[in-house]
Every structure is written in structure tokens, then in C-alpha cells.
Amino acid sequence: MKPLHPQPAKKHYIPPRQSTIGQMLDSVFLLALVYISLMLPLILGHGGEKAETVSASGATWEQLSQNATMADQWSKLGFTPETAAPIVQNRFDYSIDPIMLAITAAVIIGYYIFVLSWSKKEYQEVIEERFGQQDPP
């Protein structure tokens, strides 16, 4: 029995092939993008504010709020209260800028939408090849 609406034969879908050099260039490009995106805030001076440090002369582990176990670990690493004071007292500012958070979320969501819309045609071709033409409901 023949189908009522014969469909034209669709050419077998063959995904594009990329050369090894192309894959290597893509990998290096993505690695460079990641590196730049991580370094750019530091280069532009947006790496966070450093806290004021108290004078380290005469510092004790108690003044640095370090218990006996912590003090023992610092000592094993070769630190004294005076040499560890700048490290202990310099705390990073973890405040979140809502505008930058919104921009980051918009970029991620925009990229997700771009990837889905860009590849929709290819997905449809693969589905049509595997399952045939589907009539919309």
C-alpha cells in the first residue's frame, strides 16, 4: 500500500566534518576567551578591594583570631604570627553588584537562546532523517 502523500526522498544527512587543525584552533580560541574573561576584570582594576591591614609587629595568634590548631598549621608552613598577619587580615570583598549580575545572567541566557535557535534547523534535519516528516498537531 502506497502512502497517500508521498514525500520526496530526502538526502541522507551528513554532519559537517572539521579538520584536526580546525579543532585545535577552536580549542585554543576558547581557551584564550576563558583566559581573557578571567583576566580582564583584574587588568581593568575590578579585582576587588583589599582591606586595610593592621601592623604586624608584635602580632600574636590570638590577635589574629587563630586557634591552636590553626597556629600549628601556620607554623608547619613556616609562618610566624608576624609573617602570617598580612595573609590572615587581608580579606576579599565578596559583595555582589546587582547590575553586573544582571548583565552576566543576560549574556548567559542570550547565548543559550542563540545556540538553540542557531542549531534548530540542524536538529530538525536529523529528526526528519531518522523519523520522517512529522505533520504539526
N, C-alpha and C. Protein backbone atom coordinates (compact mmCIF):
# COMPACT_ATOMS: atom_id res chain seq x y z
N MET A 1 0.81 -1.15 0.00
CA MET A 1 0.00 0.00 0.00
C MET A 1 0.88 1.25 0.00
N LYS A 2 0.57 2.18 -0.89
CA LYS A 2 1.36 3.40 -1.03
C LYS A 2 0.80 4.48 -0.11
N PRO A 3 1.67 5.33 0.41
CA PRO A 3 1.18 6.42 1.24
C PRO A 3 0.37 7.40 0.39
N LEU A 4 -0.61 8.05 1.02
CA LEU A 4 -1.46 8.99 0.32
C LEU A 4 -0.69 10.23 -0.15
N HIS A 5 0.23 10.66 0.66
CA HIS A 5 1.02 11.84 0.32
C HIS A 5 2.49 11.45 0.25
N PRO A 6 2.94 11.01 -0.90
CA PRO A 6 4.35 10.62 -0.98
C PRO A 6 5.25 11.84 -0.74
N GLN A 7 6.30 11.59 0.00
CA GLN A 7 7.24 12.66 0.29
C GLN A 7 8.47 12.49 -0.59
N PRO A 8 9.05 13.61 -1.01
CA PRO A 8 10.25 13.49 -1.82
C PRO A 8 11.37 12.87 -0.98
N ALA A 9 12.20 12.11 -1.65
CA ALA A 9 13.31 11.47 -0.95
C ALA A 9 14.26 12.53 -0.42
N LYS A 10 14.57 12.44 0.83
CA LYS A 10 15.46 13.41 1.46
C LYS A 10 16.87 12.85 1.44
N LYS A 11 17.80 13.70 1.10
CA LYS A 11 19.19 13.29 1.06
C LYS A 11 19.65 12.94 2.47
N HIS A 12 20.42 11.90 2.60
CA HIS A 12 20.93 11.44 3.89
C HIS A 12 21.75 12.55 4.53
N TYR A 13 21.42 12.88 5.78
CA TYR A 13 22.11 13.96 6.48
C TYR A 13 23.51 13.51 6.86
N ILE A 14 24.47 14.31 6.45
CA ILE A 14 25.87 14.06 6.82
C ILE A 14 26.36 15.31 7.53
N PRO A 15 26.69 15.19 8.81
CA PRO A 15 27.14 16.36 9.54
C PRO A 15 28.48 16.85 8.98
N PRO A 16 28.71 18.16 9.07
CA PRO A 16 29.98 18.69 8.55
C PRO A 16 31.15 18.15 9.36
N ARG A 17 32.25 17.91 8.67
CA ARG A 17 33.46 17.41 9.33
C ARG A 17 34.42 18.57 9.51
N GLN A 18 35.10 18.56 10.62
CA GLN A 18 36.08 19.60 10.89
C GLN A 18 37.46 18.95 10.96
N SER A 19 38.43 19.62 10.38
CA SER A 19 39.79 19.08 10.38
C SER A 19 40.39 19.14 11.78
N THR A 20 41.45 18.40 11.96
CA THR A 20 42.15 18.39 13.25
C THR A 20 42.69 19.78 13.57
N ILE A 21 43.22 20.46 12.54
CA ILE A 21 43.75 21.81 12.76
C ILE A 21 42.61 22.74 13.17
N GLY A 22 41.45 22.61 12.54
CA GLY A 22 40.30 23.43 12.91
C GLY A 22 39.88 23.18 14.34
N GLN A 23 39.89 21.92 14.77
CA GLN A 23 39.53 21.61 16.15
C GLN A 23 40.55 22.20 17.12
N MET A 24 41.83 22.12 16.76
CA MET A 24 42.87 22.68 17.63
C MET A 24 42.72 24.20 17.72
N LEU A 25 42.46 24.85 16.59
CA LEU A 25 42.28 26.31 16.61
C LEU A 25 41.05 26.69 17.43
N ASP A 26 39.98 25.93 17.31
CA ASP A 26 38.79 26.19 18.13
C ASP A 26 39.11 26.06 19.61
N SER A 27 39.85 25.02 19.96
CA SER A 27 40.21 24.80 21.37
C SER A 27 41.08 25.93 21.91
N VAL A 28 42.07 26.34 21.13
CA VAL A 28 42.95 27.43 21.56
C VAL A 28 42.16 28.73 21.67
N PHE A 29 41.26 28.97 20.72
CA PHE A 29 40.43 30.17 20.75
C PHE A 29 39.56 30.20 22.01
N LEU A 30 38.91 29.08 22.32
CA LEU A 30 38.07 29.02 23.52
C LEU A 30 38.90 29.18 24.79
N LEU A 31 40.07 28.58 24.81
CA LEU A 31 40.96 28.73 25.97
C LEU A 31 41.38 30.19 26.14
N ALA A 32 41.68 30.87 25.03
CA ALA A 32 42.05 32.28 25.09
C ALA A 32 40.86 33.12 25.58
N LEU A 33 39.65 32.80 25.13
CA LEU A 33 38.47 33.54 25.60
C LEU A 33 38.28 33.37 27.10
N VAL A 34 38.46 32.16 27.60
CA VAL A 34 38.31 31.92 29.04
C VAL A 34 39.38 32.70 29.80
N TYR A 35 40.62 32.65 29.33
CA TYR A 35 41.72 33.35 29.99
C TYR A 35 41.45 34.86 30.02
N ILE A 36 41.04 35.40 28.87
CA ILE A 36 40.77 36.84 28.79
C ILE A 36 39.61 37.22 29.70
N SER A 37 38.56 36.40 29.70
CA SER A 37 37.40 36.74 30.53
C SER A 37 37.74 36.69 32.02
N LEU A 38 38.69 35.87 32.41
CA LEU A 38 39.10 35.82 33.81
C LEU A 38 40.10 36.92 34.16
N MET A 39 40.94 37.30 33.20
CA MET A 39 41.97 38.31 33.48
C MET A 39 41.48 39.74 33.29
N LEU A 40 40.50 39.95 32.42
CA LEU A 40 40.06 41.30 32.11
C LEU A 40 39.62 42.10 33.34
N PRO A 41 38.84 41.53 34.25
CA PRO A 41 38.50 42.32 35.45
C PRO A 41 39.73 42.73 36.26
N LEU A 42 40.72 41.87 36.33
CA LEU A 42 41.93 42.22 37.07
C LEU A 42 42.72 43.31 36.37
N ILE A 43 42.80 43.21 35.04
CA ILE A 43 43.54 44.22 34.27
C ILE A 43 42.85 45.58 34.37
N LEU A 44 41.52 45.57 34.37
CA LEU A 44 40.77 46.82 34.44
C LEU A 44 40.64 47.35 35.87
N GLY A 45 41.21 46.65 36.83
CA GLY A 45 41.19 47.12 38.21
C GLY A 45 39.92 46.80 38.96
N HIS A 46 39.16 45.80 38.51
CA HIS A 46 37.93 45.42 39.19
C HIS A 46 38.10 44.11 39.95
N GLY A 47 39.27 43.86 40.46
CA GLY A 47 39.55 42.60 41.13
C GLY A 47 39.18 42.57 42.59
N GLY A 48 38.48 43.56 43.07
CA GLY A 48 38.09 43.59 44.47
C GLY A 48 38.97 44.52 45.25
N GLU A 49 38.42 45.05 46.31
CA GLU A 49 39.16 45.97 47.16
C GLU A 49 39.89 45.18 48.24
N LYS A 50 41.10 45.61 48.53
CA LYS A 50 41.85 44.96 49.59
C LYS A 50 41.60 45.70 50.90
N ALA A 51 41.49 44.93 51.96
CA ALA A 51 41.22 45.51 53.27
C ALA A 51 42.50 46.11 53.84
N GLU A 52 42.31 47.04 54.73
CA GLU A 52 43.45 47.62 55.44
C GLU A 52 44.02 46.58 56.38
N THR A 53 45.32 46.46 56.42
CA THR A 53 45.94 45.50 57.32
C THR A 53 46.50 46.24 58.53
N VAL A 54 46.38 45.58 59.65
CA VAL A 54 46.90 46.14 60.90
C VAL A 54 48.39 45.83 60.96
N SER A 55 49.11 46.64 61.67
CA SER A 55 50.55 46.45 61.80
C SER A 55 50.85 45.06 62.32
N ALA A 56 51.78 44.38 61.66
CA ALA A 56 52.08 43.00 62.02
C ALA A 56 53.11 42.90 63.15
N SER A 57 53.74 43.99 63.52
CA SER A 57 54.75 43.90 64.57
C SER A 57 54.09 43.57 65.90
N GLY A 58 54.59 42.55 66.57
CA GLY A 58 54.06 42.14 67.86
C GLY A 58 52.75 41.38 67.78
N ALA A 59 52.38 40.91 66.60
CA ALA A 59 51.12 40.19 66.45
C ALA A 59 51.23 38.81 67.11
N THR A 60 50.12 38.36 67.64
CA THR A 60 50.06 37.01 68.21
C THR A 60 48.96 36.25 67.49
N TRP A 61 48.98 34.93 67.66
CA TRP A 61 47.95 34.11 67.02
C TRP A 61 46.57 34.47 67.56
N GLU A 62 46.47 34.82 68.83
CA GLU A 62 45.19 35.19 69.42
C GLU A 62 44.65 36.48 68.81
N GLN A 63 45.54 37.47 68.58
CA GLN A 63 45.12 38.72 67.95
C GLN A 63 44.64 38.49 66.52
N LEU A 64 45.17 37.46 65.88
CA LEU A 64 44.78 37.14 64.50
C LEU A 64 43.57 36.20 64.46
N SER A 65 43.00 35.90 65.62
CA SER A 65 41.83 35.00 65.74
C SER A 65 42.14 33.60 65.20
N GLN A 66 43.33 33.13 65.50
CA GLN A 66 43.73 31.79 65.09
C GLN A 66 43.81 30.91 66.34
N ASN A 67 43.13 29.75 66.29
CA ASN A 67 43.18 28.85 67.45
C ASN A 67 44.48 28.04 67.40
N ALA A 68 44.65 27.16 68.38
CA ALA A 68 45.91 26.41 68.50
C ALA A 68 46.15 25.52 67.28
N THR A 69 45.10 24.90 66.76
CA THR A 69 45.25 24.04 65.58
C THR A 69 45.68 24.84 64.37
N MET A 70 45.03 26.00 64.17
CA MET A 70 45.40 26.85 63.04
C MET A 70 46.83 27.35 63.18
N ALA A 71 47.19 27.77 64.39
CA ALA A 71 48.55 28.26 64.63
C ALA A 71 49.58 27.18 64.35
N ASP A 72 49.26 25.94 64.73
CA ASP A 72 50.16 24.81 64.47
C ASP A 72 50.34 24.60 62.97
N GLN A 73 49.25 24.71 62.20
CA GLN A 73 49.34 24.53 60.75
C GLN A 73 50.14 25.67 60.10
N TRP A 74 49.93 26.90 60.57
CA TRP A 74 50.72 28.01 60.05
C TRP A 74 52.20 27.78 60.34
N SER A 75 52.51 27.29 61.55
CA SER A 75 53.90 27.03 61.92
C SER A 75 54.51 25.95 61.05
N LYS A 76 53.73 24.91 60.72
CA LYS A 76 54.23 23.85 59.84
C LYS A 76 54.56 24.38 58.45
N LEU A 77 53.85 25.44 58.03
CA LEU A 77 54.12 26.04 56.73
C LEU A 77 55.25 27.07 56.79
N GLY A 78 55.81 27.27 57.99
CA GLY A 78 56.94 28.18 58.14
C GLY A 78 56.56 29.62 58.41
N PHE A 79 55.34 29.86 58.85
CA PHE A 79 54.88 31.22 59.13
C PHE A 79 54.94 31.50 60.62
N THR A 80 55.24 32.73 60.95
CA THR A 80 55.15 33.23 62.32
C THR A 80 53.92 34.15 62.36
N PRO A 81 53.48 34.56 63.54
CA PRO A 81 52.34 35.48 63.58
C PRO A 81 52.59 36.77 62.77
N GLU A 82 53.82 37.25 62.77
CA GLU A 82 54.15 38.48 62.03
C GLU A 82 54.08 38.26 60.51
N THR A 83 54.56 37.12 60.04
CA THR A 83 54.55 36.88 58.59
C THR A 83 53.17 36.42 58.10
N ALA A 84 52.37 35.84 58.97
CA ALA A 84 51.03 35.38 58.57
C ALA A 84 49.99 36.49 58.68
N ALA A 85 50.28 37.54 59.45
CA ALA A 85 49.29 38.61 59.68
C ALA A 85 48.76 39.23 58.39
N PRO A 86 49.61 39.61 57.42
CA PRO A 86 49.05 40.20 56.19
C PRO A 86 48.13 39.25 55.43
N ILE A 87 48.41 37.96 55.47
CA ILE A 87 47.58 36.98 54.77
C ILE A 87 46.24 36.80 55.49
N VAL A 88 46.29 36.69 56.80
CA VAL A 88 45.08 36.46 57.59
C VAL A 88 44.17 37.68 57.57
N GLN A 89 44.75 38.88 57.65
CA GLN A 89 43.96 40.09 57.76
C GLN A 89 43.44 40.61 56.42
N ASN A 90 44.03 40.19 55.32
CA ASN A 90 43.61 40.68 54.01
C ASN A 90 42.45 39.81 53.51
N ARG A 91 41.24 40.29 53.72
CA ARG A 91 40.05 39.55 53.33
C ARG A 91 39.49 40.10 52.03
N PHE A 92 38.97 39.20 51.21
CA PHE A 92 38.40 39.59 49.92
C PHE A 92 36.97 40.08 50.12
N ASP A 93 36.60 41.08 49.35
CA ASP A 93 35.24 41.63 49.40
C ASP A 93 34.34 40.81 48.48
N TYR A 94 33.39 40.09 49.05
CA TYR A 94 32.51 39.21 48.28
C TYR A 94 31.15 39.84 47.99
N SER A 95 31.06 41.15 48.03
CA SER A 95 29.77 41.79 47.74
C SER A 95 29.44 41.61 46.26
N ILE A 96 28.15 41.49 45.96
CA ILE A 96 27.70 41.23 44.60
C ILE A 96 27.07 42.50 44.06
N ASP A 97 27.50 42.92 42.88
CA ASP A 97 26.93 44.08 42.21
C ASP A 97 25.71 43.61 41.41
N PRO A 98 24.51 44.03 41.76
CA PRO A 98 23.30 43.54 41.08
C PRO A 98 23.29 43.83 39.59
N ILE A 99 23.82 44.98 39.17
CA ILE A 99 23.83 45.32 37.75
C ILE A 99 24.73 44.35 36.98
N MET A 100 25.91 44.09 37.51
CA MET A 100 26.83 43.16 36.84
C MET A 100 26.27 41.74 36.85
N LEU A 101 25.57 41.37 37.92
CA LEU A 101 24.93 40.06 37.97
C LEU A 101 23.86 39.94 36.89
N ALA A 102 23.07 41.01 36.73
CA ALA A 102 22.02 41.01 35.69
C ALA A 102 22.63 40.94 34.30
N ILE A 103 23.72 41.67 34.07
CA ILE A 103 24.39 41.62 32.76
C ILE A 103 24.92 40.23 32.49
N THR A 104 25.53 39.61 33.49
CA THR A 104 26.06 38.26 33.32
C THR A 104 24.94 37.27 33.02
N ALA A 105 23.84 37.36 33.75
CA ALA A 105 22.69 36.48 33.51
C ALA A 105 22.14 36.70 32.11
N ALA A 106 22.05 37.97 31.66
CA ALA A 106 21.54 38.25 30.32
C ALA A 106 22.45 37.67 29.24
N VAL A 107 23.75 37.76 29.43
CA VAL A 107 24.69 37.20 28.46
C VAL A 107 24.55 35.69 28.39
N ILE A 108 24.46 35.03 29.53
CA ILE A 108 24.33 33.56 29.54
C ILE A 108 23.02 33.13 28.91
N ILE A 109 21.92 33.78 29.28
CA ILE A 109 20.62 33.43 28.71
C ILE A 109 20.59 33.74 27.21
N GLY A 110 21.17 34.87 26.81
CA GLY A 110 21.24 35.22 25.39
C GLY A 110 22.04 34.21 24.60
N TYR A 111 23.16 33.75 25.16
CA TYR A 111 23.97 32.74 24.49
C TYR A 111 23.20 31.43 24.35
N TYR A 112 22.49 31.05 25.38
CA TYR A 112 21.68 29.82 25.35
C TYR A 112 20.62 29.91 24.26
N ILE A 113 19.93 31.02 24.17
CA ILE A 113 18.91 31.21 23.14
C ILE A 113 19.54 31.20 21.76
N PHE A 114 20.70 31.84 21.61
CA PHE A 114 21.41 31.85 20.33
C PHE A 114 21.78 30.45 19.89
N VAL A 115 22.34 29.66 20.80
CA VAL A 115 22.74 28.29 20.45
C VAL A 115 21.53 27.46 20.05
N LEU A 116 20.45 27.56 20.79
CA LEU A 116 19.25 26.79 20.46
C LEU A 116 18.66 27.20 19.12
N SER A 117 18.56 28.50 18.87
CA SER A 117 17.96 28.95 17.61
C SER A 117 18.88 28.66 16.42
N TRP A 118 20.18 28.75 16.62
CA TRP A 118 21.14 28.50 15.54
C TRP A 118 21.11 27.04 15.11
N SER A 119 20.96 26.15 16.06
CA SER A 119 21.03 24.73 15.75
C SER A 119 19.67 24.09 15.50
N LYS A 120 18.60 24.87 15.58
CA LYS A 120 17.25 24.31 15.40
C LYS A 120 17.10 23.65 14.05
N LYS A 121 17.61 24.28 13.00
CA LYS A 121 17.49 23.72 11.65
C LYS A 121 18.21 22.37 11.56
N GLU A 122 19.41 22.29 12.11
CA GLU A 122 20.15 21.03 12.07
C GLU A 122 19.43 19.94 12.86
N TYR A 123 18.89 20.29 14.01
CA TYR A 123 18.13 19.31 14.79
C TYR A 123 16.94 18.79 14.00
N GLN A 124 16.23 19.69 13.34
CA GLN A 124 15.07 19.29 12.56
C GLN A 124 15.47 18.37 11.41
N GLU A 125 16.59 18.66 10.75
CA GLU A 125 17.05 17.80 9.65
C GLU A 125 17.37 16.40 10.14
N VAL A 126 18.02 16.30 11.29
CA VAL A 126 18.36 14.99 11.84
C VAL A 126 17.09 14.23 12.22
N ILE A 127 16.13 14.91 12.84
CA ILE A 127 14.88 14.25 13.23
C ILE A 127 14.11 13.80 12.00
N GLU A 128 14.06 14.63 10.95
CA GLU A 128 13.38 14.26 9.72
C GLU A 128 14.04 13.06 9.07
N GLU A 129 15.37 13.02 9.13
CA GLU A 129 16.09 11.89 8.53
C GLU A 129 15.77 10.60 9.28
N ARG A 130 15.75 10.66 10.59
CA ARG A 130 15.56 9.46 11.39
C ARG A 130 14.10 9.01 11.47
N PHE A 131 13.19 9.97 11.56
CA PHE A 131 11.79 9.64 11.83
C PHE A 131 10.83 10.05 10.73
N GLY A 132 11.33 10.70 9.71
CA GLY A 132 10.46 11.13 8.62
C GLY A 132 9.81 12.45 8.93
N GLN A 133 9.12 12.99 7.92
CA GLN A 133 8.43 14.28 8.07
C GLN A 133 7.27 14.13 9.04
N GLN A 134 7.23 14.98 10.01
CA GLN A 134 6.15 14.97 11.01
C GLN A 134 5.18 16.10 10.71
N ASP A 135 3.90 15.77 10.68
CA ASP A 135 2.87 16.80 10.50
C ASP A 135 2.65 17.49 11.84
N PRO A 136 2.55 18.83 11.83
CA PRO A 136 2.29 19.51 13.11
C PRO A 136 0.92 19.14 13.64
N PRO A 137 0.78 19.07 14.96
CA PRO A 137 -0.51 18.67 15.56
C PRO A 137 -1.57 19.70 15.37
